[in-house]
Amino acid sequence: MMINSIPLQTITKQPDGSWLFTWNSTDASSYRVVLWGVELAVVVGTSYSVALAAYSQYPPPIEVVPAGVLALTEQNKCFLIIQWYGVVCDYYLLEEYTGGAWVTKAVVAERGSYVYTATSPLLADGADADYRVTAVDSIGQKSNPLEFRMHVVRPPDEVRPSINYDNSGQNIVIG
């Protein structure tokens, strides 16, 4: 699997709340901006600005690839989509198990929605991901956590064997 993403040079939060991404120019005439396997835009320059409500505290994990090239999240859905039903509470704690402890990744306000969704960052091949969601009420009482676990195993790289003919021994060599 080829990783063709162009490294981002800067990620800056703008005064209007949007995120500005820049990258170095390559020989590509245009670039595709991809978020979680979905193309957001095709850009001719070397910058892109986006405002997404779900990414007010942290920048969205976009990928920039040359036009005509698939981004990693288009080739392989290597992230965890976390969904849970809404309950009566004030907010939800979304936590990740990292370094032997649960670390808060987001505080999601209760908005009266039927279902809530969060997405993990891209996960490496062979990685284990542990997340949990806990509902918290107005006096700080916590529900039993709802846990999400994933072990990432991506499809193997495509095998492209070479076939050679050895005329001297009249053998076909597959390598």
Foldseek 3Di string as FASTA:
>chain_A
DDAAFFDWDDWDQDPVQKIKTFGDDDPAQWKFKDAQQHTPDIGRHGMDIDHDPVASPHHGPITIGGPPDGHPSNQWNQKDKDKDADDPAQWKFKWWCDPNDTDTPDIGGRDPDGMDIDMGPGDDQQDKTKIWMWGAHPVGDIDPIDMDIDGHHTDDDDDDWDWDADVVVRDIDID
